[in-house]
C-alpha atoms as a PDB file:
ATOM      1  CA  MET A   1      20.829  17.915 -11.476  1.00  0.00           C
ATOM      2  CA  TYR A   2      19.468  14.397 -11.395  1.00  0.00           C
ATOM      3  CA  THR A   3      15.835  15.021 -12.182  1.00  0.00           C
ATOM      4  CA  LYS A   4      16.296  17.871 -14.660  1.00  0.00           C
ATOM      5  CA  TYR A   5      16.176  15.347 -17.634  1.00  0.00           C
ATOM      6  CA  TRP A   6      12.874  13.888 -16.614  1.00  0.00           C
ATOM      7  CA  LEU A   7      11.001  16.927 -15.304  1.00  0.00           C
ATOM      8  CA  GLN A   8      10.387  18.628 -18.645  1.00  0.00           C
ATOM      9  CA  PRO A   9      10.207  22.455 -18.954  1.00  0.00           C
ATOM     10  CA  ALA A  10       6.912  22.015 -20.838  1.00  0.00           C
ATOM     11  CA  ILE A  11       5.254  21.655 -17.459  1.00  0.00           C
ATOM     12  CA  LEU A  12       7.900  22.911 -14.977  1.00  0.00           C
ATOM     13  CA  LYS A  13       9.668  25.752 -16.840  1.00  0.00           C
ATOM     14  CA  GLY A  14      12.292  27.243 -14.692  1.00  0.00           C
ATOM     15  CA  THR A  15      11.454  25.252 -11.581  1.00  0.00           C
ATOM     16  CA  PHE A  16      14.746  23.380 -11.003  1.00  0.00           C
ATOM     17  CA  LYS A  17      17.368  26.081 -11.157  1.00  0.00           C
ATOM     18  CA  LYS A  18      19.533  26.158  -8.020  1.00  0.00           C
ATOM     19  CA  GLN A  19      19.480  29.387  -6.090  1.00  0.00           C
ATOM     20  CA  ASN A  20      21.321  30.418  -3.009  1.00  0.00           C
ATOM     21  CA  ALA A  21      19.240  33.380  -1.887  1.00  0.00           C
ATOM     22  CA  PRO A  22      18.754  33.313   1.868  1.00  0.00           C
ATOM     23  CA  ALA A  23      15.096  34.338   1.449  1.00  0.00           C
ATOM     24  CA  PHE A  24      14.424  31.131  -0.623  1.00  0.00           C
ATOM     25  CA  HIS A  25      11.416  29.477   1.119  1.00  0.00           C
ATOM     26  CA  TRP A  26      12.441  26.475   3.235  1.00  0.00           C
ATOM     27  CA  MET A  27       9.739  24.172   1.737  1.00  0.00           C
ATOM     28  CA  ASN A  28      10.984  25.026  -1.750  1.00  0.00           C
ATOM     29  CA  ILE A  29      14.536  24.139  -0.730  1.00  0.00           C
ATOM     30  CA  VAL A  30      13.418  20.826   0.775  1.00  0.00           C
ATOM     31  CA  LEU A  31      11.346  19.880  -2.346  1.00  0.00           C
ATOM     32  CA  LEU A  32      14.085  20.787  -4.674  1.00  0.00           C
ATOM     33  CA  ARG A  33      16.617  18.788  -2.653  1.00  0.00           C
ATOM     34  CA  ILE A  34      14.412  15.725  -2.772  1.00  0.00           C
ATOM     35  CA  LEU A  35      13.749  16.067  -6.450  1.00  0.00           C
ATOM     36  CA  ASP A  36      17.463  16.483  -7.088  1.00  0.00           C
ATOM     37  CA  ASN A  37      18.533  13.440  -5.148  1.00  0.00           C
ATOM     38  CA  ARG A  38      17.719   9.987  -6.414  1.00  0.00           C
ATOM     39  CA  LYS A  39      17.834   8.209  -3.011  1.00  0.00           C
ATOM     40  CA  LYS A  40      15.750  10.916  -1.276  1.00  0.00           C
ATOM     41  CA  LEU A  41      13.307  10.914  -4.107  1.00  0.00           C
ATOM     42  CA  THR A  42      13.002   7.103  -4.159  1.00  0.00           C
ATOM     43  CA  PHE A  43      12.441   7.032  -0.365  1.00  0.00           C
ATOM     44  CA  THR A  44       9.941   9.869  -0.507  1.00  0.00           C
ATOM     45  CA  LEU A  45       7.953   8.222  -3.296  1.00  0.00           C
ATOM     46  CA  LEU A  46       7.914   4.951  -1.385  1.00  0.00           C
ATOM     47  CA  ILE A  47       6.588   6.631   1.769  1.00  0.00           C
ATOM     48  CA  SER A  48       4.099   8.499  -0.424  1.00  0.00           C
ATOM     49  CA  LEU A  49       2.907   5.238  -1.820  1.00  0.00           C
ATOM     50  CA  LEU A  50       2.350   3.701   1.564  1.00  0.00           C
ATOM     51  CA  LEU A  51       0.640   6.859   2.821  1.00  0.00           C
ATOM     52  CA  ALA A  52      -1.569   6.932  -0.237  1.00  0.00           C
ATOM     53  CA  PHE A  53      -2.726   3.453   0.525  1.00  0.00           C
ATOM     54  CA  GLU A  54      -3.479   4.391   4.166  1.00  0.00           C
ATOM     55  CA  VAL A  55      -5.550   7.313   2.880  1.00  0.00           C
ATOM     56  CA  GLN A  56      -7.173   4.839   0.528  1.00  0.00           C
ATOM     57  CA  ARG A  57      -7.957   2.342   3.279  1.00  0.00           C
ATOM     58  CA  HIS A  58      -9.080   4.700   5.978  1.00  0.00           C
ATOM     59  CA  VAL A  59     -10.766   7.485   3.983  1.00  0.00           C
ATOM     60  CA  ILE A  60     -11.651   6.503   0.415  1.00  0.00           C
ATOM     61  CA  PHE A  61     -12.674   2.839   0.986  1.00  0.00           C
ATOM     62  CA  PRO A  62     -15.123   3.808   3.879  1.00  0.00           C
ATOM     63  CA  ILE A  63     -16.701   6.559   1.793  1.00  0.00           C
ATOM     64  CA  GLU A  64     -17.168   4.191  -1.135  1.00  0.00           C
ATOM     65  CA  SER A  65     -18.685   1.554   1.158  1.00  0.00           C
ATOM     66  CA  LEU A  66     -21.217   4.144   2.344  1.00  0.00           C
ATOM     67  CA  LEU A  67     -22.056   5.216  -1.184  1.00  0.00           C
ATOM     68  CA  ASN A  68     -22.404   1.618  -2.273  1.00  0.00           C
ATOM     69  CA  PHE A  69     -21.787   2.234  -5.934  1.00  0.00           C
ATOM     70  CA  GLU A  70     -21.807  -0.759  -8.270  1.00  0.00           C
ATOM     71  CA  ILE A  71     -18.275  -0.009  -9.420  1.00  0.00           C
ATOM     72  CA  THR A  72     -16.793  -0.104  -5.900  1.00  0.00           C
ATOM     73  CA  LYS A  73     -17.934  -3.689  -5.394  1.00  0.00           C
ATOM     74  CA  HIS A  74     -14.953  -4.918  -7.433  1.00  0.00           C
ATOM     75  CA  ALA A  75     -12.363  -2.126  -7.195  1.00  0.00           C
ATOM     76  CA  SER A  76     -11.969   1.343  -5.850  1.00  0.00           C
ATOM     77  CA  MET A  77     -13.362   4.183  -8.014  1.00  0.00           C
ATOM     78  CA  VAL A  78     -10.242   6.347  -7.330  1.00  0.00           C
ATOM     79  CA  TYR A  79      -7.090   4.283  -6.476  1.00  0.00           C
ATOM     80  CA  LEU A  80      -4.401   6.754  -5.379  1.00  0.00           C
ATOM     81  CA  PRO A  81      -1.472   4.249  -5.096  1.00  0.00           C
ATOM     82  CA  ALA A  82      -1.595   3.671  -8.784  1.00  0.00           C
ATOM     83  CA  GLY A  83      -0.932   7.372  -9.353  1.00  0.00           C
ATOM     84  CA  VAL A  84       2.063   7.394  -7.032  1.00  0.00           C
ATOM     85  CA  ILE A  85       3.518   4.395  -8.917  1.00  0.00           C
ATOM     86  CA  PHE A  86       2.977   6.196 -12.212  1.00  0.00           C
ATOM     87  CA  LEU A  87       4.691   9.278 -10.841  1.00  0.00           C
ATOM     88  CA  SER A  88       7.590   7.169  -9.582  1.00  0.00           C
ATOM     89  CA  PHE A  89       8.111   5.708 -12.988  1.00  0.00           C
ATOM     90  CA  TYR A  90       7.930   9.128 -14.646  1.00  0.00           C
ATOM     91  CA  LEU A  91      10.510  10.655 -12.283  1.00  0.00           C
ATOM     92  CA  LEU A  92      12.843   7.683 -11.823  1.00  0.00           C
ATOM     93  CA  ARG A  93      12.364   5.305 -14.795  1.00  0.00           C
ATOM     94  CA  TRP A  94      14.090   2.008 -13.903  1.00  0.00           C
ATOM     95  CA  TRP A  95      14.976   3.321 -10.467  1.00  0.00           C
ATOM     96  CA  PHE A  96      11.295   3.173  -9.622  1.00  0.00           C
ATOM     97  CA  LEU A  97      11.630  -0.616  -9.068  1.00  0.00           C
ATOM     98  CA  PRO A  98      12.254  -0.396  -5.342  1.00  0.00           C
ATOM     99  CA  VAL A  99       9.126   1.767  -4.959  1.00  0.00           C
ATOM    100  CA  ILE A 100       6.848  -0.564  -6.865  1.00  0.00           C
ATOM    101  CA  LEU A 101       8.287  -3.878  -5.625  1.00  0.00           C
ATOM    102  CA  ILE A 102       8.360  -2.887  -1.924  1.00  0.00           C
ATOM    103  CA  GLY A 103       5.271  -0.675  -1.900  1.00  0.00           C
ATOM    104  CA  ARG A 104       3.010  -2.761  -4.045  1.00  0.00           C
ATOM    105  CA  THR A 105       3.996  -5.991  -2.370  1.00  0.00           C
ATOM    106  CA  TRP A 106       3.365  -4.471   1.090  1.00  0.00           C
ATOM    107  CA  ILE A 107      -0.111  -3.244  -0.044  1.00  0.00           C
ATOM    108  CA  SER A 108      -0.946  -6.648  -1.427  1.00  0.00           C
ATOM    109  CA  VAL A 109       0.044  -8.261   1.815  1.00  0.00           C
ATOM    110  CA  GLN A 110      -2.143  -5.854   3.764  1.00  0.00           C
ATOM    111  CA  LEU A 111      -5.077  -6.795   1.560  1.00  0.00           C
ATOM    112  CA  THR A 112      -4.594 -10.585   1.148  1.00  0.00           C
ATOM    113  CA  GLY A 113      -2.393 -11.660   4.006  1.00  0.00           C
ATOM    114  CA  THR A 114       1.147 -12.993   4.317  1.00  0.00           C
ATOM    115  CA  GLU A 115       0.116 -16.417   2.931  1.00  0.00           C
ATOM    116  CA  LEU A 116       0.176 -14.938  -0.547  1.00  0.00           C
ATOM    117  CA  LEU A 117       3.427 -13.073  -0.123  1.00  0.00           C
ATOM    118  CA  PHE A 118       5.256 -14.940  -2.860  1.00  0.00           C
ATOM    119  CA  ASP A 119       2.398 -14.359  -5.290  1.00  0.00           C
ATOM    120  CA  ALA A 120       2.367 -10.684  -4.377  1.00  0.00           C
ATOM    121  CA  ILE A 121       6.062 -10.328  -5.043  1.00  0.00           C
ATOM    122  CA  VAL A 122       5.825 -12.085  -8.427  1.00  0.00           C
ATOM    123  CA  PHE A 123       2.800 -10.001  -9.467  1.00  0.00           C
ATOM    124  CA  SER A 124       4.504  -6.782  -8.457  1.00  0.00           C
ATOM    125  CA  PHE A 125       7.493  -7.694 -10.503  1.00  0.00           C
ATOM    126  CA  ILE A 126       5.307  -8.443 -13.514  1.00  0.00           C
ATOM    127  CA  VAL A 127       3.438  -5.127 -13.158  1.00  0.00           C
ATOM    128  CA  SER A 128       6.797  -3.296 -12.812  1.00  0.00           C
ATOM    129  CA  LEU A 129       7.876  -4.564 -16.238  1.00  0.00           C
ATOM    130  CA  LEU A 130       4.701  -3.180 -17.894  1.00  0.00           C
ATOM    131  CA  TYR A 131       5.791   0.374 -17.466  1.00  0.00           C
ATOM    132  CA  PRO A 132       9.077   0.272 -19.422  1.00  0.00           C
ATOM    133  CA  LEU A 133       7.415  -2.194 -21.910  1.00  0.00           C
ATOM    134  CA  TRP A 134       4.660   0.228 -22.778  1.00  0.00           C
ATOM    135  CA  LEU A 135       7.043   3.186 -22.907  1.00  0.00           C
ATOM    136  CA  HIS A 136       9.314   1.239 -25.287  1.00  0.00           C
ATOM    137  CA  LEU A 137       6.413   0.246 -27.510  1.00  0.00           C
ATOM    138  CA  LEU A 138       5.063   3.790 -27.703  1.00  0.00           C
ATOM    139  CA  ASN A 139       8.544   5.131 -28.468  1.00  0.00           C
ATOM    140  CA  ARG A 140       8.966   2.514 -31.203  1.00  0.00           C
ATOM    141  CA  ALA A 141       5.620   3.762 -32.614  1.00  0.00           C
ATOM    142  CA  LYS A 142       7.240   7.185 -32.859  1.00  0.00           C
ATOM    143  CA  TRP A 143       5.236   8.593 -29.957  1.00  0.00           C
ATOM    144  CA  ASP A 144       7.585  10.319 -27.477  1.00  0.00           C
ATOM    145  CA  VAL A 145       4.796  10.171 -24.845  1.00  0.00           C
ATOM    146  CA  PHE A 146       7.039  11.545 -21.973  1.00  0.00           C
ATOM    147  CA  GLY A 147       8.896  14.049 -24.109  1.00  0.00           C
ATOM    148  CA  ASP A 148      12.336  12.418 -23.669  1.00  0.00           C
ATOM    149  CA  VAL A 149      13.415  13.476 -27.155  1.00  0.00           C
ATOM    150  CA  ASP A 150      10.967  16.279 -27.923  1.00  0.00           C
ATOM    151  CA  GLN A 151       9.783  18.094 -24.859  1.00  0.00           C
ATOM    152  CA  ASN A 152       6.756  19.454 -26.750  1.00  0.00           C
ATOM    153  CA  GLN A 153       5.412  15.845 -26.995  1.00  0.00           C
ATOM    154  CA  LEU A 154       4.790  15.754 -23.180  1.00  0.00           C
ATOM    155  CA  THR A 155       1.119  16.437 -22.497  1.00  0.00           C
ATOM    156  CA  VAL A 156      -1.391  15.591 -19.795  1.00  0.00           C
ATOM    157  CA  THR A 157      -3.449  13.761 -22.395  1.00  0.00           C
ATOM    158  CA  GLY A 158      -0.434  11.592 -23.402  1.00  0.00           C
ATOM    159  CA  ALA A 159       0.339  10.888 -19.740  1.00  0.00           C
ATOM    160  CA  MET A 160      -3.227   9.801 -19.136  1.00  0.00           C
ATOM    161  CA  ILE A 161      -3.281   7.566 -22.155  1.00  0.00           C
ATOM    162  CA  PHE A 162      -0.102   5.922 -20.923  1.00  0.00           C
ATOM    163  CA  ALA A 163      -1.742   5.506 -17.518  1.00  0.00           C
ATOM    164  CA  LEU A 164      -4.790   4.004 -19.194  1.00  0.00           C
ATOM    165  CA  LEU A 165      -2.638   1.411 -21.062  1.00  0.00           C
ATOM    166  CA  ILE A 166      -0.902   0.484 -17.873  1.00  0.00           C
ATOM    167  CA  SER A 167      -4.209   0.203 -15.948  1.00  0.00           C
ATOM    168  CA  PHE A 168      -5.788  -1.873 -18.691  1.00  0.00           C
ATOM    169  CA  THR A 169      -2.926  -4.320 -18.819  1.00  0.00           C
ATOM    170  CA  THR A 170      -2.533  -4.547 -15.097  1.00  0.00           C
ATOM    171  CA  GLY A 171      -6.298  -4.973 -14.744  1.00  0.00           C
ATOM    172  CA  ILE A 172      -6.259  -7.999 -17.057  1.00  0.00           C
ATOM    173  CA  PHE A 173      -3.416  -9.670 -15.160  1.00  0.00           C
ATOM    174  CA  SER A 174      -5.024  -8.785 -11.854  1.00  0.00           C
ATOM    175  CA  ALA A 175      -8.373 -10.259 -12.928  1.00  0.00           C
ATOM    176  CA  ILE A 176      -6.599 -13.512 -13.968  1.00  0.00           C
ATOM    177  CA  GLN A 177      -4.774 -13.625 -10.673  1.00  0.00           C
ATOM    178  CA  GLN A 178      -7.916 -12.874  -8.630  1.00  0.00           C
ATOM    179  CA  THR A 179      -9.985 -15.418 -10.539  1.00  0.00           C
ATOM    180  CA  LEU A 180      -7.369 -18.202 -10.275  1.00  0.00           C
ATOM    181  CA  SER A 181      -7.102 -17.535  -6.470  1.00  0.00           C
ATOM    182  CA  GLY A 182     -10.940 -17.634  -6.142  1.00  0.00           C
ATOM    183  CA  VAL A 183     -11.292 -14.036  -4.919  1.00  0.00           C
ATOM    184  CA  VAL A 184     -13.299 -12.906  -7.992  1.00  0.00           C
ATOM    185  CA  PRO A 185     -15.805 -15.315  -9.674  1.00  0.00           C
ATOM    186  CA  ALA A 186     -14.957 -16.083 -13.326  1.00  0.00           C
ATOM    187  CA  ASP A 187     -18.146 -14.492 -14.521  1.00  0.00           C
ATOM    188  CA  GLN A 188     -17.252 -11.261 -12.786  1.00  0.00           C
ATOM    189  CA  ALA A 189     -13.708 -11.004 -14.234  1.00  0.00           C
ATOM    190  CA  LEU A 190     -14.695  -8.540 -16.959  1.00  0.00           C
ATOM    191  CA  HIS A 191     -16.505  -6.277 -14.504  1.00  0.00           C
ATOM    192  CA  TYR A 192     -13.520  -6.441 -12.203  1.00  0.00           C
ATOM    193  CA  THR A 193     -11.182  -5.444 -15.037  1.00  0.00           C
ATOM    194  CA  VAL A 194     -13.283  -2.455 -16.049  1.00  0.00           C
ATOM    195  CA  HIS A 195     -13.618  -1.206 -12.570  1.00  0.00           C
ATOM    196  CA  PHE A 196      -9.939  -1.743 -11.915  1.00  0.00           C
ATOM    197  CA  VAL A 197      -9.044   0.309 -15.070  1.00  0.00           C
ATOM    198  CA  ILE A 198     -11.329   3.126 -14.044  1.00  0.00           C
ATOM    199  CA  GLY A 199     -10.043   3.323 -10.478  1.00  0.00           C
ATOM    200  CA  ASP A 200      -6.358   3.196 -11.425  1.00  0.00           C
ATOM    201  CA  THR A 201      -6.736   5.781 -14.234  1.00  0.00           C
ATOM    202  CA  LEU A 202      -8.718   8.192 -12.097  1.00  0.00           C
ATOM    203  CA  GLY A 203      -6.319   7.794  -9.206  1.00  0.00           C
ATOM    204  CA  THR A 204      -3.446   8.497 -11.557  1.00  0.00           C
ATOM    205  CA  GLY A 205      -5.170  11.665 -12.752  1.00  0.00           C
ATOM    206  CA  VAL A 206      -5.688  12.868  -9.202  1.00  0.00           C
ATOM    207  CA  VAL A 207      -2.027  12.333  -8.235  1.00  0.00           C
ATOM    208  CA  ILE A 208      -0.822  14.038 -11.413  1.00  0.00           C
ATOM    209  CA  PHE A 209      -2.989  17.032 -10.675  1.00  0.00           C
ATOM    210  CA  ILE A 210      -1.717  17.293  -7.061  1.00  0.00           C
ATOM    211  CA  PHE A 211       1.840  16.962  -8.154  1.00  0.00           C
ATOM    212  CA  TYR A 212       1.331  19.629 -10.867  1.00  0.00           C
ATOM    213  CA  ARG A 213      -0.321  22.006  -8.408  1.00  0.00           C
ATOM    214  CA  LEU A 214       2.486  21.528  -5.873  1.00  0.00           C
ATOM    215  CA  LEU A 215       5.018  22.400  -8.462  1.00  0.00           C
ATOM    216  CA  GLN A 216       3.101  25.455  -9.550  1.00  0.00           C
ATOM    217  CA  TRP A 217       2.968  26.494  -5.906  1.00  0.00           C
ATOM    218  CA  ASN A 218       6.765  26.121  -5.728  1.00  0.00           C
ATOM    219  CA  ILE A 219       7.199  28.297  -8.757  1.00  0.00           C
ATOM    220  CA  ARG A 220       5.050  31.015  -7.209  1.00  0.00           C
ATOM    221  CA  LEU A 221       7.037  30.729  -3.958  1.00  0.00           C
ATOM    222  CA  ARG A 222      10.352  30.964  -5.690  1.00  0.00           C
ATOM    223  CA  ASN A 223       9.278  33.993  -7.802  1.00  0.00           C
ATOM    224  CA  SER A 224       7.791  35.806  -4.839  1.00  0.00           C
ATOM    225  CA  ARG A 225      10.893  35.225  -2.719  1.00  0.00           C
ATOM    226  CA  THR A 226      13.450  36.153  -5.377  1.00  0.00           C
ATOM    227  CA  SER A 227      11.649  39.111  -7.012  1.00  0.00           C
END
């Protein structure tokens, strides 16, 4: 199966074994087929990224505007699309490129307009390289953060630290881009970076939690239908 290597038994023990029982829940079958097919998984994650942004724009952003917290003046306090991109890299590795390049560019255009389309494409490509770069650096430092060699190394803490590193690096690049384009004043660049990191990291945590709970739900469904 395609995703068996990436979805480690440390979290998903026994989840991805094929079964032909007629009582197997239809949702479980659909989810397993998506996770087991690279094209379906890539498409599903891309759609999930776009939907996450719509939730962000029509639900989270308005709520944050009403609360008027200091942190939300620069960046969202919980940015869900960052979590979907993280999940895409975890599940697909280099095959996550279509998700981040198309999805992130589309989101950037929605926020800044088509006049900055080229900048959005370039920045999305730069951000896409940060994921394999940080994974490579951590692996070189003898930290198998995703459990590719030793499945016991995969932990929620490790995943969140990886997400924090990605958010911090992306936040710096984003602050530079926003400052050069005049969107963020130079004296506010540090605040923007800090708020960016918090929003992306918390958003990643939320998506990881939702993904984990959905898989737990699938395990329970499978066990109840096959017992």
